[in-house]
Amino acid sequence: MNRYTALIVLPLLALAGCNSASAPEEAEKAKSAAVSRLDERLPDGFTLYVGTSGARDFSIQRAGTGEIATWAVVAKPQDVTAFYEAQAVAAGFKVVGRVSADDYYSVDTRRDGDARPRTISVTTSRKDEYATVAFKIDTTP
């Protein structure tokens, strides 16, 4: 390799290495986009997990000092729970509790300060080929 070729090729190789660090992050974003969609009924930073077949029987209701969204999706319950745990952490929540037993999974998250919602909890369980999802939102003022 002559000196001029080296001056062009070596910086390009260095730049190519810089992009590989973001490749896993980009892959995760693409994976998330493939199984979820925006829904204004969920808090900012959270998307509706629809899997590859869409969400079924979605409803959202007031419950005490919060709201509970429920639906079913063709997916593994642990995948849905992990999906929402990652979204909660990215939105500034801390994981304060986890439960898993057989085909039942739950994650509880909380954030300090005045930001609302303050707590988000997600519970999933297996029913036939579906994961049933309960997404609980604390709406305390």
Protein backbone atom coordinates (compact mmCIF):
# COMPACT_ATOMS: atom_id res chain seq x y z
CA MET A 1 0.00 0.00 0.00
CA ASN A 2 1.48 3.33 -0.95
CA ARG A 3 1.56 6.28 1.38
CA TYR A 4 -1.39 8.13 -0.22
CA THR A 5 -3.65 5.09 -0.15
CA ALA A 6 -2.80 4.55 3.51
CA LEU A 7 -3.75 8.17 4.29
CA ILE A 8 -7.22 7.56 2.86
CA VAL A 9 -7.89 3.97 3.93
CA LEU A 10 -6.72 4.07 7.57
CA PRO A 11 -9.04 6.91 8.67
CA LEU A 12 -11.97 5.19 6.94
CA LEU A 13 -11.23 1.97 8.81
CA ALA A 14 -11.12 3.89 12.09
CA LEU A 15 -14.50 5.49 11.36
CA ALA A 16 -16.01 2.13 10.45
CA GLY A 17 -14.98 0.87 13.88
CA CYS A 18 -16.79 3.78 15.54
CA ASN A 19 -20.10 2.84 13.95
CA SER A 20 -19.95 -0.76 15.16
CA ALA A 21 -20.40 0.38 18.78
CA SER A 22 -23.88 1.68 17.96
CA ALA A 23 -24.85 -1.40 15.92
CA PRO A 24 -26.32 -3.29 18.93
CA GLU A 25 -28.28 -0.18 19.92
CA GLU A 26 -29.63 0.21 16.39
CA ALA A 27 -30.52 -3.48 16.27
CA GLU A 28 -32.44 -3.15 19.55
CA LYS A 29 -34.36 -0.14 18.22
CA ALA A 30 -35.25 -2.05 15.06
CA LYS A 31 -36.38 -5.06 17.09
CA SER A 32 -38.51 -2.83 19.32
CA ALA A 33 -40.09 -1.08 16.32
CA ALA A 34 -40.96 -4.46 14.79
CA VAL A 35 -43.03 -5.57 17.82
CA SER A 36 -44.52 -2.30 19.09
CA ARG A 37 -46.32 0.86 18.04
CA LEU A 38 -47.09 4.25 19.51
CA ASP A 39 -50.32 4.57 21.45
CA GLU A 40 -51.25 7.91 23.05
CA ARG A 41 -53.07 6.11 25.86
CA LEU A 42 -49.73 4.94 27.29
CA PRO A 43 -47.31 7.32 29.06
CA ASP A 44 -44.52 9.07 27.14
CA GLY A 45 -41.60 6.74 26.52
CA PHE A 46 -43.79 3.63 26.30
CA THR A 47 -45.16 1.89 23.23
CA LEU A 48 -47.83 -0.76 22.89
CA TYR A 49 -46.29 -4.22 22.56
CA VAL A 50 -48.14 -5.86 19.66
CA GLY A 51 -45.77 -8.70 18.77
CA THR A 52 -46.00 -9.93 15.21
CA SER A 53 -49.78 -10.51 15.17
CA GLY A 54 -51.13 -7.35 16.85
CA ALA A 55 -52.72 -6.66 20.21
CA ARG A 56 -56.09 -8.24 20.96
CA ASP A 57 -58.84 -7.04 23.28
CA PHE A 58 -57.05 -3.83 24.35
CA SER A 59 -58.81 -1.86 27.07
CA ILE A 60 -57.80 0.78 29.58
CA GLN A 61 -59.75 1.56 32.74
CA ARG A 62 -59.46 3.77 35.80
CA ALA A 63 -58.54 1.83 38.92
CA GLY A 64 -58.17 3.65 42.22
CA THR A 65 -55.36 6.21 41.80
CA GLY A 66 -54.30 4.89 38.42
CA GLU A 67 -55.17 3.17 35.21
CA ILE A 68 -54.80 -0.41 34.04
CA ALA A 69 -54.37 -1.26 30.39
CA THR A 70 -54.94 -4.90 29.48
CA TRP A 71 -54.53 -6.84 26.25
CA ALA A 72 -53.34 -10.11 24.80
CA VAL A 73 -50.55 -10.67 22.30
CA VAL A 74 -48.93 -13.68 20.67
CA ALA A 75 -45.59 -13.61 22.50
CA LYS A 76 -43.68 -15.12 25.39
CA PRO A 77 -44.71 -13.43 28.66
CA GLN A 78 -41.07 -12.96 29.72
CA ASP A 79 -40.31 -11.15 26.43
CA VAL A 80 -43.14 -8.67 27.00
CA THR A 81 -42.09 -8.02 30.60
CA ALA A 82 -38.43 -7.54 29.59
CA PHE A 83 -39.54 -5.16 26.82
CA TYR A 84 -41.37 -2.91 29.29
CA GLU A 85 -38.61 -3.13 31.87
CA ALA A 86 -36.17 -1.79 29.26
CA GLN A 87 -38.57 1.02 28.30
CA ALA A 88 -39.09 1.96 31.95
CA VAL A 89 -35.36 2.12 32.66
CA ALA A 90 -34.84 4.21 29.49
CA ALA A 91 -37.59 6.59 30.72
CA GLY A 92 -35.81 7.12 34.06
CA PHE A 93 -37.55 4.53 36.22
CA LYS A 94 -35.75 2.20 38.64
CA VAL A 95 -36.72 -1.43 38.98
CA VAL A 96 -37.99 -1.95 42.53
CA GLY A 97 -39.39 -5.46 42.23
CA ARG A 98 -39.55 -8.55 40.03
CA VAL A 99 -41.51 -11.77 40.25
CA SER A 100 -41.33 -14.81 37.99
CA ALA A 101 -42.91 -18.21 38.44
CA ASP A 102 -43.68 -20.67 35.67
CA ASP A 103 -45.45 -18.58 33.00
CA TYR A 104 -46.07 -15.54 35.24
CA TYR A 105 -43.78 -12.48 35.13
CA SER A 106 -44.01 -9.09 36.80
CA VAL A 107 -41.82 -6.01 37.04
CA ASP A 108 -42.45 -2.96 39.24
CA THR A 109 -40.70 0.33 38.50
CA ARG A 110 -40.63 3.72 40.19
CA ARG A 111 -39.09 7.13 39.65
CA ASP A 112 -38.46 9.79 42.25
CA GLY A 113 -39.36 13.45 42.09
CA ASP A 114 -42.37 15.20 40.62
CA ALA A 115 -42.41 13.38 37.28
CA ARG A 116 -45.65 11.60 36.48
CA PRO A 117 -46.45 8.78 36.29
CA ARG A 118 -44.44 7.84 39.34
CA THR A 119 -44.85 4.06 39.14
CA ILE A 120 -45.37 1.60 36.31
CA SER A 121 -45.99 -2.10 36.86
CA VAL A 122 -46.31 -4.76 34.18
CA THR A 123 -47.61 -8.26 34.73
CA THR A 124 -47.75 -10.94 32.05
CA SER A 125 -48.90 -14.53 32.04
CA ARG A 126 -49.36 -17.33 29.51
CA LYS A 127 -52.81 -18.30 28.19
CA ASP A 128 -52.59 -20.71 25.28
CA GLU A 129 -50.37 -19.03 22.65
CA TYR A 130 -51.02 -15.57 24.12
CA ALA A 131 -49.31 -13.48 26.72
CA THR A 132 -51.93 -11.58 28.69
CA VAL A 133 -50.63 -8.17 29.70
CA ALA A 134 -51.64 -5.88 32.57
CA PHE A 135 -49.88 -2.49 32.36
CA LYS A 136 -50.55 -0.49 35.54
CA ILE A 137 -49.96 3.26 35.68
CA ASP A 138 -49.97 5.39 38.86
CA THR A 139 -51.72 8.65 38.02
CA THR A 140 -51.59 10.17 41.51
CA PRO A 141 -51.31 13.97 41.17
